[in-house]
């Protein structure tokens, strides 16, 4: 009898809780602020600044010339680069394969335009480092883009400033140049990559 009474009370409590839950009105979903929605949409949509990167898209043969120090003999290598749009035309992904001083070299880079900050940006990673190089820049004038960035110097462990310039001679030829500080602190050209579009 006592067991039956306890069971009956438990069922009564459960039914009451369920009834209360059904009677309670559903919480109203918060409305999205129209101005916030418009700002988010504007920030997310690729535009003319992204379209300016279209000439990067394709498969390229490359000639890479590097200088370890000012006045040093150049180190020359070759490679190939596949550049393609990703994430709905928002970013250009560059996949690079080549050689450097007789060793296989692979790199992965991304270039895009930040609608909120109103500036171009780039990132670079490769198999000769465990860090990432970042840069920001502008479209400049004509067929030129300029960037300034940083990477961690393995000798000092500190961030080092670099300067970069991308120039399009025409739709099938593109040059990348990079300057880094020399022992005296002055910037010198440390790398040049000549791109020729594969036919």
N, C-alpha and C. Protein backbone atom coordinates (compact mmCIF):
# COMPACT_ATOMS: atom_id res chain seq x y z
N UNK A 1 0.84 -1.20 0.00
CA UNK A 1 0.00 0.00 0.00
C UNK A 1 0.87 1.25 0.00
N UNK A 2 1.88 1.26 0.88
CA UNK A 2 2.77 2.42 0.97
C UNK A 2 3.52 2.62 -0.34
N UNK A 3 3.95 1.49 -0.96
CA UNK A 3 4.69 1.57 -2.23
C UNK A 3 3.81 2.15 -3.31
N UNK A 4 2.52 1.75 -3.32
CA UNK A 4 1.58 2.25 -4.32
C UNK A 4 1.34 3.74 -4.15
N UNK A 5 1.25 4.21 -2.89
CA UNK A 5 1.02 5.62 -2.60
C UNK A 5 2.19 6.47 -3.08
N UNK A 6 3.41 6.02 -2.81
CA UNK A 6 4.61 6.76 -3.24
C UNK A 6 4.65 6.85 -4.75
N UNK A 7 4.33 5.73 -5.43
CA UNK A 7 4.36 5.71 -6.89
C UNK A 7 3.31 6.66 -7.46
N UNK A 8 2.13 6.70 -6.84
CA UNK A 8 1.06 7.58 -7.30
C UNK A 8 1.46 9.04 -7.16
N UNK A 9 2.10 9.39 -6.05
CA UNK A 9 2.53 10.77 -5.83
C UNK A 9 3.60 11.17 -6.85
N UNK A 10 4.50 10.26 -7.17
CA UNK A 10 5.55 10.54 -8.15
C UNK A 10 4.95 10.82 -9.52
N UNK A 11 3.94 10.02 -9.89
CA UNK A 11 3.28 10.22 -11.19
C UNK A 11 2.57 11.56 -11.21
N UNK A 12 1.92 11.94 -10.09
CA UNK A 12 1.21 13.21 -9.99
C UNK A 12 2.16 14.39 -10.16
N UNK A 13 3.33 14.33 -9.51
CA UNK A 13 4.33 15.41 -9.63
C UNK A 13 4.81 15.53 -11.07
N UNK A 14 5.08 14.40 -11.72
CA UNK A 14 5.58 14.39 -13.09
C UNK A 14 4.56 15.00 -14.04
N UNK A 15 3.29 14.65 -13.88
CA UNK A 15 2.22 15.19 -14.73
C UNK A 15 2.10 16.69 -14.53
N UNK A 16 2.22 17.15 -13.28
CA UNK A 16 2.11 18.58 -12.98
C UNK A 16 3.24 19.37 -13.63
N UNK A 17 4.46 18.83 -13.56
CA UNK A 17 5.62 19.50 -14.16
C UNK A 17 5.44 19.61 -15.66
N UNK A 18 4.99 18.52 -16.30
CA UNK A 18 4.80 18.53 -17.75
C UNK A 18 3.73 19.54 -18.15
N UNK A 19 2.65 19.61 -17.38
CA UNK A 19 1.58 20.55 -17.67
C UNK A 19 2.08 21.99 -17.55
N UNK A 20 2.91 22.27 -16.53
CA UNK A 20 3.47 23.62 -16.33
C UNK A 20 4.36 24.00 -17.50
N UNK A 21 5.15 23.02 -17.94
CA UNK A 21 6.07 23.29 -19.05
C UNK A 21 5.30 23.60 -20.33
N UNK A 22 4.14 22.93 -20.54
CA UNK A 22 3.35 23.17 -21.74
C UNK A 22 2.64 24.52 -21.67
N UNK A 23 2.25 24.95 -20.48
CA UNK A 23 1.55 26.23 -20.32
C UNK A 23 2.48 27.42 -20.45
N UNK A 24 3.81 27.23 -20.18
CA UNK A 24 4.77 28.34 -20.21
C UNK A 24 5.00 28.77 -21.66
N UNK A 25 4.82 30.05 -21.99
CA UNK A 25 5.01 30.50 -23.37
C UNK A 25 6.46 30.38 -23.81
N UNK A 26 6.66 30.07 -25.10
CA UNK A 26 8.01 29.94 -25.64
C UNK A 26 8.73 31.28 -25.62
N UNK A 27 10.02 31.24 -25.30
CA UNK A 27 10.80 32.48 -25.25
C UNK A 27 10.89 33.09 -26.64
N UNK A 28 10.72 34.39 -26.73
CA UNK A 28 10.76 35.09 -28.01
C UNK A 28 12.21 35.24 -28.47
N UNK A 29 12.45 34.88 -29.72
CA UNK A 29 13.79 35.02 -30.26
C UNK A 29 14.13 36.50 -30.45
N UNK A 30 15.34 36.89 -30.05
CA UNK A 30 15.71 38.30 -30.21
C UNK A 30 15.80 38.67 -31.69
N UNK A 31 15.29 39.85 -32.02
CA UNK A 31 15.34 40.33 -33.40
C UNK A 31 16.74 40.84 -33.72
N UNK A 32 17.21 40.59 -34.96
CA UNK A 32 18.50 41.10 -35.42
C UNK A 32 18.36 42.57 -35.76
N UNK A 33 19.26 43.38 -35.24
CA UNK A 33 19.25 44.80 -35.55
C UNK A 33 19.52 44.97 -37.05
N UNK A 34 18.64 45.66 -37.79
CA UNK A 34 18.82 45.82 -39.24
C UNK A 34 20.16 46.45 -39.61
N UNK A 35 20.62 47.42 -38.83
CA UNK A 35 21.90 48.07 -39.13
C UNK A 35 23.05 47.08 -38.96
N UNK A 36 22.95 46.22 -37.93
CA UNK A 36 23.98 45.22 -37.70
C UNK A 36 23.99 44.20 -38.84
N UNK A 37 22.80 43.79 -39.27
CA UNK A 37 22.69 42.83 -40.37
C UNK A 37 23.29 43.40 -41.65
N UNK A 38 23.01 44.67 -41.93
CA UNK A 38 23.55 45.31 -43.13
C UNK A 38 25.07 45.39 -43.08
N UNK A 39 25.60 45.75 -41.90
CA UNK A 39 27.06 45.85 -41.75
C UNK A 39 27.72 44.49 -41.92
N UNK A 40 27.10 43.44 -41.40
CA UNK A 40 27.65 42.10 -41.52
C UNK A 40 27.65 41.63 -42.97
N UNK A 41 26.56 41.93 -43.68
CA UNK A 41 26.46 41.53 -45.08
C UNK A 41 27.50 42.26 -45.93
N UNK A 42 27.68 43.56 -45.64
CA UNK A 42 28.65 44.36 -46.39
C UNK A 42 30.07 43.85 -46.13
N UNK A 43 30.35 43.45 -44.90
CA UNK A 43 31.68 42.94 -44.55
C UNK A 43 31.96 41.60 -45.20
N UNK A 44 30.91 40.82 -45.46
CA UNK A 44 31.09 39.45 -45.94
C UNK A 44 31.17 39.32 -47.45
N UNK A 45 30.68 40.32 -48.20
CA UNK A 45 30.57 40.16 -49.64
C UNK A 45 31.84 40.59 -50.37
N UNK A 46 32.41 39.73 -51.23
CA UNK A 46 33.55 40.14 -52.04
C UNK A 46 33.13 41.20 -53.04
N UNK A 47 34.05 42.15 -53.31
CA UNK A 47 33.72 43.26 -54.21
C UNK A 47 34.83 43.55 -55.19
N UNK A 48 34.91 44.81 -55.59
CA UNK A 48 35.89 45.23 -56.61
C UNK A 48 37.32 45.01 -56.14
N UNK A 49 37.58 45.21 -54.85
CA UNK A 49 38.95 45.03 -54.34
C UNK A 49 39.38 43.57 -54.43
N UNK A 50 38.42 42.65 -54.29
CA UNK A 50 38.74 41.23 -54.44
C UNK A 50 38.93 40.90 -55.92
N UNK A 51 38.11 41.50 -56.77
CA UNK A 51 38.21 41.25 -58.21
C UNK A 51 39.57 41.67 -58.74
N UNK A 52 40.20 42.64 -58.09
CA UNK A 52 41.52 43.10 -58.53
C UNK A 52 42.58 42.01 -58.40
N UNK A 53 42.29 40.96 -57.61
CA UNK A 53 43.23 39.85 -57.45
C UNK A 53 43.05 38.77 -58.51
N UNK A 54 42.09 38.96 -59.40
CA UNK A 54 41.76 37.94 -60.40
C UNK A 54 42.96 37.56 -61.26
N UNK A 55 43.84 38.52 -61.55
CA UNK A 55 44.98 38.23 -62.42
C UNK A 55 46.00 37.30 -61.77
N UNK A 56 45.86 37.04 -60.46
CA UNK A 56 46.74 36.07 -59.80
C UNK A 56 46.32 34.63 -60.10
N UNK A 57 45.07 34.45 -60.47
CA UNK A 57 44.51 33.10 -60.60
C UNK A 57 45.11 32.37 -61.80
N UNK A 58 45.54 31.14 -61.56
CA UNK A 58 46.09 30.33 -62.64
C UNK A 58 47.24 29.46 -62.16
N UNK A 59 47.89 28.80 -63.09
CA UNK A 59 49.05 27.97 -62.81
C UNK A 59 50.27 28.62 -63.44
N UNK A 60 51.34 28.75 -62.65
CA UNK A 60 52.50 29.53 -63.07
C UNK A 60 53.79 28.73 -62.97
N UNK A 61 54.70 28.98 -63.92
CA UNK A 61 56.10 28.57 -63.78
C UNK A 61 56.84 29.72 -63.10
N UNK A 62 57.78 29.38 -62.22
CA UNK A 62 58.46 30.44 -61.47
C UNK A 62 59.98 30.29 -61.52
N UNK A 63 60.62 31.43 -61.48
CA UNK A 63 62.07 31.49 -61.29
C UNK A 63 62.30 32.29 -60.02
N UNK A 64 62.94 31.68 -59.03
CA UNK A 64 63.14 32.31 -57.73
C UNK A 64 64.62 32.67 -57.57
N UNK A 65 64.88 33.95 -57.29
CA UNK A 65 66.24 34.42 -57.05
C UNK A 65 66.30 34.98 -55.64
N UNK A 66 67.23 34.47 -54.83
CA UNK A 66 67.36 34.90 -53.43
C UNK A 66 68.77 35.41 -53.16
N UNK A 67 68.86 36.39 -52.27
CA UNK A 67 70.15 36.91 -51.80
C UNK A 67 70.15 36.83 -50.28
N UNK A 68 71.12 36.13 -49.70
CA UNK A 68 71.16 35.96 -48.25
C UNK A 68 71.66 37.22 -47.55
N UNK A 69 72.52 37.98 -48.24
CA UNK A 69 73.10 39.22 -47.70
C UNK A 69 73.24 40.22 -48.83
N UNK A 70 73.33 41.51 -48.51
CA UNK A 70 73.58 42.49 -49.56
C UNK A 70 74.89 42.19 -50.28
N UNK A 71 74.85 42.18 -51.60
CA UNK A 71 76.05 41.93 -52.39
C UNK A 71 76.42 40.47 -52.54
N UNK A 72 75.68 39.57 -51.93
CA UNK A 72 75.98 38.14 -52.03
C UNK A 72 75.59 37.60 -53.40
N UNK A 73 76.21 36.49 -53.78
CA UNK A 73 75.84 35.84 -55.03
C UNK A 73 74.39 35.35 -54.93
N UNK A 74 73.63 35.46 -56.01
CA UNK A 74 72.24 35.02 -55.95
C UNK A 74 72.12 33.50 -55.92
N UNK A 75 71.07 33.02 -55.25
CA UNK A 75 70.71 31.61 -55.25
C UNK A 75 69.47 31.49 -56.13
N UNK A 76 69.56 30.70 -57.18
CA UNK A 76 68.47 30.63 -58.16
C UNK A 76 67.81 29.25 -58.11
N UNK A 77 66.51 29.25 -58.11
CA UNK A 77 65.74 28.01 -58.14
C UNK A 77 64.53 28.16 -59.03
N UNK A 78 63.87 27.06 -59.29
CA UNK A 78 62.66 27.08 -60.10
C UNK A 78 61.53 26.41 -59.34
N UNK A 79 60.32 26.62 -59.82
CA UNK A 79 59.18 26.02 -59.17
C UNK A 79 57.91 26.25 -59.96
N UNK A 80 56.80 25.91 -59.33
CA UNK A 80 55.49 26.14 -59.93
C UNK A 80 54.53 26.59 -58.84
N UNK A 81 53.53 27.35 -59.25
CA UNK A 81 52.57 27.89 -58.29
C UNK A 81 51.17 27.75 -58.86
N UNK A 82 50.26 27.23 -58.04
CA UNK A 82 48.86 27.15 -58.43
C UNK A 82 48.07 28.09 -57.53
N UNK A 83 47.46 29.09 -58.14
CA UNK A 83 46.70 30.11 -57.41
C UNK A 83 45.23 29.98 -57.76
N UNK A 84 44.37 29.86 -56.75
CA UNK A 84 42.95 29.68 -57.02
C UNK A 84 42.10 30.39 -55.97
N UNK A 85 40.87 30.73 -56.38
CA UNK A 85 39.92 31.32 -55.45
C UNK A 85 39.41 30.25 -54.49
N UNK A 86 39.19 30.65 -53.22
CA UNK A 86 38.55 29.76 -52.25
C UNK A 86 37.49 30.55 -51.49
N UNK A 87 36.61 29.84 -50.83
CA UNK A 87 35.56 30.42 -49.99
C UNK A 87 34.76 31.48 -50.73
N UNK A 88 34.30 31.11 -51.92
CA UNK A 88 33.39 31.98 -52.66
C UNK A 88 34.03 33.24 -53.20
N UNK A 89 35.28 33.17 -53.60
CA UNK A 89 35.94 34.34 -54.18
C UNK A 89 36.39 35.37 -53.16
N UNK A 90 36.58 34.93 -51.92
CA UNK A 90 37.01 35.86 -50.88
C UNK A 90 38.53 35.87 -50.68
N UNK A 91 39.18 34.76 -50.96
CA UNK A 91 40.62 34.65 -50.74
C UNK A 91 41.27 33.92 -51.91
N UNK A 92 42.52 34.29 -52.19
CA UNK A 92 43.33 33.56 -53.17
C UNK A 92 44.27 32.64 -52.40
N UNK A 93 44.22 31.36 -52.72
CA UNK A 93 45.13 30.39 -52.11
C UNK A 93 46.25 30.07 -53.09
N UNK A 94 47.49 30.22 -52.63
CA UNK A 94 48.65 29.92 -53.46
C UNK A 94 49.34 28.67 -52.93
N UNK A 95 49.49 27.66 -53.78
CA UNK A 95 50.22 26.45 -53.43
C UNK A 95 51.49 26.41 -54.28
N UNK A 96 52.63 26.48 -53.61
CA UNK A 96 53.92 26.61 -54.30
C UNK A 96 54.76 25.36 -54.08
N UNK A 97 55.40 24.89 -55.16
CA UNK A 97 56.35 23.77 -55.06
C UNK A 97 57.57 24.10 -55.89
N UNK A 98 58.75 23.85 -55.33
CA UNK A 98 59.98 24.14 -56.05
C UNK A 98 61.18 23.57 -55.33
N UNK A 99 62.33 24.23 -55.52
CA UNK A 99 63.54 23.80 -54.83
C UNK A 99 64.29 25.02 -54.32
N UNK A 100 65.02 24.82 -53.22
CA UNK A 100 65.84 25.89 -52.66
C UNK A 100 67.16 25.27 -52.20
N UNK A 101 68.25 25.67 -52.83
CA UNK A 101 69.57 25.14 -52.52
C UNK A 101 69.60 23.61 -52.59
N UNK A 102 68.92 23.08 -53.61
CA UNK A 102 68.91 21.64 -53.83
C UNK A 102 67.94 20.86 -52.97
N UNK A 103 67.15 21.55 -52.15
CA UNK A 103 66.19 20.87 -51.28
C UNK A 103 64.77 21.17 -51.74
N UNK A 104 63.85 20.20 -51.57
CA UNK A 104 62.45 20.44 -51.94
C UNK A 104 61.87 21.57 -51.10
N UNK A 105 61.11 22.43 -51.75
CA UNK A 105 60.50 23.56 -51.07
C UNK A 105 59.01 23.58 -51.37
N UNK A 106 58.20 23.71 -50.32
CA UNK A 106 56.75 23.81 -50.46
C UNK A 106 56.25 24.97 -49.63
N UNK A 107 55.30 25.72 -50.19
CA UNK A 107 54.75 26.85 -49.46
C UNK A 107 53.26 26.99 -49.70
N UNK A 108 52.60 27.64 -48.76
CA UNK A 108 51.16 27.87 -48.85
C UNK A 108 50.88 29.31 -48.42
N UNK A 109 50.25 30.07 -49.30
CA UNK A 109 49.96 31.47 -48.99
C UNK A 109 48.51 31.82 -49.25
N UNK A 110 48.04 32.86 -48.57
CA UNK A 110 46.69 33.37 -48.78
C UNK A 110 46.75 34.88 -48.93
N UNK A 111 46.00 35.39 -49.90
CA UNK A 111 45.90 36.83 -50.11
C UNK A 111 44.42 37.19 -50.16
N UNK A 112 44.07 38.30 -49.54
CA UNK A 112 42.67 38.73 -49.55
C UNK A 112 42.54 40.21 -49.29
N UNK A 113 41.30 40.64 -49.20
CA UNK A 113 41.00 42.04 -48.89
C UNK A 113 39.99 42.07 -47.77
N UNK A 114 40.31 42.80 -46.70
CA UNK A 114 39.44 42.92 -45.53
C UNK A 114 38.52 44.12 -45.74
N UNK A 115 37.22 43.86 -45.94
CA UNK A 115 36.27 44.95 -46.17
C UNK A 115 36.14 45.88 -44.97
N UNK A 116 36.33 45.34 -43.77
CA UNK A 116 36.18 46.15 -42.56
C UNK A 116 37.38 47.07 -42.37
N UNK A 117 38.58 46.51 -42.47
CA UNK A 117 39.80 47.31 -42.29
C UNK A 117 40.19 48.08 -43.56
N UNK A 118 39.55 47.70 -44.68
CA UNK A 118 39.80 48.35 -45.98
C UNK A 118 41.28 48.26 -46.36
N UNK A 119 41.81 47.05 -46.31
CA UNK A 119 43.20 46.84 -46.70
C UNK A 119 43.41 45.40 -47.16
N UNK A 120 44.40 45.23 -48.02
CA UNK A 120 44.80 43.89 -48.45
C UNK A 120 45.65 43.24 -47.36
N UNK A 121 45.71 41.92 -47.37
CA UNK A 121 46.55 41.21 -46.42
C UNK A 121 47.08 39.94 -47.07
N UNK A 122 48.16 39.43 -46.52
CA UNK A 122 48.72 38.18 -47.00
C UNK A 122 49.28 37.37 -45.85
N UNK A 123 49.28 36.06 -46.02
CA UNK A 123 49.92 35.16 -45.06
C UNK A 123 50.76 34.16 -45.84
N UNK A 124 51.81 33.66 -45.21
CA UNK A 124 52.69 32.69 -45.89
C UNK A 124 53.24 31.69 -44.89
N UNK A 125 53.21 30.40 -45.27
CA UNK A 125 53.80 29.32 -44.48
C UNK A 125 54.56 28.41 -45.44
N UNK A 126 55.65 27.81 -44.97
CA UNK A 126 56.37 26.87 -45.83
C UNK A 126 57.08 25.81 -44.99
N UNK A 127 57.69 24.84 -45.68
CA UNK A 127 58.30 23.71 -44.99
C UNK A 127 59.70 24.00 -44.47
N UNK A 128 60.14 25.25 -44.56
CA UNK A 128 61.43 25.63 -43.99
C UNK A 128 61.26 26.50 -42.75
N UNK A 129 60.06 26.47 -42.19
CA UNK A 129 59.76 27.24 -40.99
C UNK A 129 58.57 26.61 -40.29
N UNK A 130 58.41 26.93 -39.00
CA UNK A 130 57.21 26.52 -38.28
C UNK A 130 56.37 27.73 -37.92
N UNK A 131 56.76 28.90 -38.42
CA UNK A 131 56.03 30.13 -38.14
C UNK A 131 55.19 30.56 -39.34
N UNK A 132 54.63 31.74 -39.23
CA UNK A 132 53.81 32.30 -40.29
C UNK A 132 54.21 33.75 -40.54
N UNK A 133 54.29 34.11 -41.80
CA UNK A 133 54.60 35.48 -42.18
C UNK A 133 53.29 36.19 -42.51
N UNK A 134 53.10 37.37 -41.96
CA UNK A 134 51.87 38.12 -42.22
C UNK A 134 52.23 39.49 -42.77
N UNK A 135 51.36 40.02 -43.61
CA UNK A 135 51.60 41.35 -44.18
C UNK A 135 50.28 42.02 -44.51
N UNK A 136 50.30 43.33 -44.58
CA UNK A 136 49.14 44.12 -45.00
C UNK A 136 49.60 45.13 -46.03
N UNK A 137 48.68 45.53 -46.90
CA UNK A 137 49.11 46.44 -47.94
C UNK A 137 47.97 47.11 -48.66
N UNK A 138 48.31 47.71 -49.79
CA UNK A 138 47.35 48.47 -50.57
C UNK A 138 47.52 48.14 -52.04
N UNK A 139 46.50 48.53 -52.82
CA UNK A 139 46.55 48.27 -54.25
C UNK A 139 47.53 49.15 -54.99
N UNK A 140 47.95 50.23 -54.35
CA UNK A 140 48.90 51.12 -54.99
C UNK A 140 48.31 51.74 -56.24
N UNK A 141 49.11 51.90 -57.27
CA UNK A 141 48.63 52.50 -58.51
C UNK A 141 48.95 51.58 -59.68
N UNK A 142 48.10 51.60 -60.69
CA UNK A 142 48.32 50.78 -61.87
C UNK A 142 48.32 49.31 -61.56
N UNK A 143 49.37 48.61 -61.98
CA UNK A 143 49.45 47.16 -61.81
C UNK A 143 50.39 46.76 -60.68
N UNK A 144 50.41 47.53 -59.62
CA UNK A 144 51.33 47.28 -58.52
C UNK A 144 50.59 47.20 -57.19
N UNK A 145 51.01 46.26 -56.35
CA UNK A 145 50.52 46.18 -54.98
C UNK A 145 51.73 46.17 -54.06
N UNK A 146 51.64 46.87 -52.94
CA UNK A 146 52.74 46.92 -51.98
C UNK A 146 52.26 46.44 -50.62
N UNK A 147 53.15 45.76 -49.90
CA UNK A 147 52.83 45.20 -48.59
C UNK A 147 53.97 45.46 -47.62
N UNK A 148 53.62 45.51 -46.34
CA UNK A 148 54.61 45.50 -45.26
C UNK A 148 54.20 44.42 -44.29
N UNK A 149 55.19 43.67 -43.81
CA UNK A 149 54.86 42.57 -42.93
C UNK A 149 55.96 42.23 -41.95
N UNK A 150 55.77 41.13 -41.25
CA UNK A 150 56.75 40.69 -40.25
C UNK A 150 56.88 39.17 -40.29
N UNK A 151 58.05 38.70 -39.86
CA UNK A 151 58.26 37.29 -39.60
C UNK A 151 59.27 37.17 -38.47
N UNK A 152 59.27 36.03 -37.81
CA UNK A 152 60.18 35.82 -36.68
C UNK A 152 61.56 35.41 -37.20
N UNK A 153 62.57 36.22 -36.92
CA UNK A 153 63.94 35.95 -37.35
C UNK A 153 64.49 34.78 -36.52
N UNK A 154 64.88 33.66 -37.15
CA UNK A 154 65.38 32.51 -36.38
C UNK A 154 66.68 32.80 -35.65
N UNK A 155 67.45 33.81 -36.08
CA UNK A 155 68.71 34.13 -35.43
C UNK A 155 68.49 34.90 -34.13
N UNK A 156 67.50 35.81 -34.13
CA UNK A 156 67.28 36.66 -32.96
C UNK A 156 66.03 36.28 -32.17
N UNK A 157 65.11 35.58 -32.82
CA UNK A 157 63.85 35.25 -32.17
C UNK A 157 62.88 36.42 -32.13
N UNK A 158 63.25 37.53 -32.74
CA UNK A 158 62.41 38.72 -32.73
C UNK A 158 61.75 38.92 -34.09
N UNK A 159 60.65 39.69 -34.09
CA UNK A 159 59.97 40.00 -35.34
C UNK A 159 60.85 40.89 -36.21
N UNK A 160 60.89 40.58 -37.49
CA UNK A 160 61.65 41.34 -38.47
C UNK A 160 60.69 41.91 -39.50
N UNK A 161 60.89 43.17 -39.85
CA UNK A 161 60.02 43.84 -40.82
C UNK A 161 60.48 43.53 -42.24
N UNK A 162 59.52 43.29 -43.11
CA UNK A 162 59.81 43.07 -44.52
C UNK A 162 58.93 44.00 -45.36
N UNK A 163 59.35 44.22 -46.59
CA UNK A 163 58.55 44.97 -47.56
C UNK A 163 58.41 44.12 -48.81
N UNK A 164 57.23 44.17 -49.41
CA UNK A 164 56.95 43.35 -50.59
C UNK A 164 56.29 44.18 -51.68
N UNK A 165 56.53 43.81 -52.92
CA UNK A 165 55.87 44.47 -54.04
C UNK A 165 55.52 43.42 -55.09
N UNK A 166 54.28 43.47 -55.57
CA UNK A 166 53.82 42.60 -56.65
C UNK A 166 53.53 43.47 -57.85
N UNK A 167 54.09 43.12 -59.00
CA UNK A 167 53.92 43.90 -60.22
C UNK A 167 53.47 43.00 -61.36
N UNK A 168 52.45 43.43 -62.09
CA UNK A 168 51.97 42.71 -63.26
C UNK A 168 52.45 43.43 -64.51
N UNK A 169 53.30 42.76 -65.30
CA UNK A 169 53.72 43.33 -66.58
C UNK A 169 52.59 43.21 -67.59
N UNK A 170 51.89 42.09 -67.54
CA UNK A 170 50.69 41.84 -68.34
C UNK A 170 49.95 40.69 -67.68
N UNK A 171 48.94 40.17 -68.35
CA UNK A 171 48.12 39.13 -67.74
C UNK A 171 48.87 37.81 -67.55
N UNK A 172 49.99 37.64 -68.24
CA UNK A 172 50.71 36.37 -68.19
C UNK A 172 52.06 36.44 -67.48
N UNK A 173 52.40 37.61 -66.95
CA UNK A 173 53.69 37.78 -66.28
C UNK A 173 53.52 38.62 -65.02
N UNK A 174 54.06 38.11 -63.91
CA UNK A 174 53.92 38.76 -62.61
C UNK A 174 55.24 38.62 -61.86
N UNK A 175 55.65 39.67 -61.18
CA UNK A 175 56.88 39.64 -60.38
C UNK A 175 56.56 39.91 -58.92
N UNK A 176 57.22 39.17 -58.05
CA UNK A 176 57.14 39.40 -56.61
C UNK A 176 58.54 39.76 -56.11
N UNK A 177 58.66 40.86 -55.38
CA UNK A 177 59.94 41.28 -54.82
C UNK A 177 59.80 41.47 -53.32
N UNK A 178 60.85 41.11 -52.58
CA UNK A 178 60.83 41.26 -51.13
C UNK A 178 62.14 41.88 -50.66
N UNK A 179 62.02 42.81 -49.70
CA UNK A 179 63.17 43.45 -49.08
C UNK A 179 63.17 43.13 -47.59
N UNK A 180 64.36 42.92 -47.05
CA UNK A 180 64.54 42.63 -45.63
C UNK A 180 65.73 43.44 -45.11
N UNK A 181 65.79 43.65 -43.79
CA UNK A 181 66.92 44.42 -43.25
C UNK A 181 68.23 43.62 -43.30
N UNK A 182 69.32 44.30 -43.73
CA UNK A 182 70.64 43.68 -43.73
C UNK A 182 71.32 43.84 -42.39
N UNK A 183 72.58 43.44 -42.28
CA UNK A 183 73.31 43.56 -41.01
C UNK A 183 73.39 45.00 -40.49
N UNK A 184 73.36 45.98 -41.42
CA UNK A 184 73.42 47.38 -41.00
C UNK A 184 72.05 47.97 -40.74
N UNK A 185 71.01 47.15 -40.85
CA UNK A 185 69.65 47.62 -40.61
C UNK A 185 68.97 48.20 -41.83
N UNK A 186 69.72 48.40 -42.91
CA UNK A 186 69.13 48.95 -44.12
C UNK A 186 68.46 47.84 -44.94
N UNK A 187 67.35 48.21 -45.60
CA UNK A 187 66.62 47.23 -46.39
C UNK A 187 67.37 46.90 -47.68
N UNK A 188 67.41 45.62 -48.02
CA UNK A 188 68.00 45.19 -49.29
C UNK A 188 67.07 44.15 -49.93
N UNK A 189 67.16 44.02 -51.25
CA UNK A 189 66.31 43.05 -51.93
C UNK A 189 66.82 41.65 -51.61
N UNK A 190 65.97 40.86 -50.97
CA UNK A 190 66.36 39.51 -50.56
C UNK A 190 65.76 38.42 -51.43
N UNK A 191 64.72 38.78 -52.20
CA UNK A 191 64.09 37.76 -53.03
C UNK A 191 63.36 38.39 -54.20
N UNK A 192 63.35 37.68 -55.32
CA UNK A 192 62.53 38.04 -56.47
C UNK A 192 61.99 36.75 -57.08
N UNK A 193 60.69 36.73 -57.33
CA UNK A 193 60.07 35.58 -57.99
C UNK A 193 59.43 36.08 -59.28
N UNK A 194 59.85 35.49 -60.38
CA UNK A 194 59.30 35.83 -61.69
C UNK A 194 58.30 34.75 -62.09
N UNK A 195 57.05 35.16 -62.30
CA UNK A 195 55.97 34.24 -62.64
C UNK A 195 55.64 34.34 -64.13
N UNK A 196 55.54 33.20 -64.79
CA UNK A 196 55.09 33.12 -66.18
C UNK A 196 53.93 32.14 -66.24
N UNK A 197 52.81 32.60 -66.75
CA UNK A 197 51.62 31.76 -66.76
C UNK A 197 51.82 30.53 -67.66
N UNK A 198 51.45 29.36 -67.14
CA UNK A 198 51.52 28.14 -67.94
C UNK A 198 50.41 28.17 -68.98
N UNK A 199 50.73 27.79 -70.19
CA UNK A 199 49.77 27.77 -71.29
C UNK A 199 49.13 26.39 -71.42
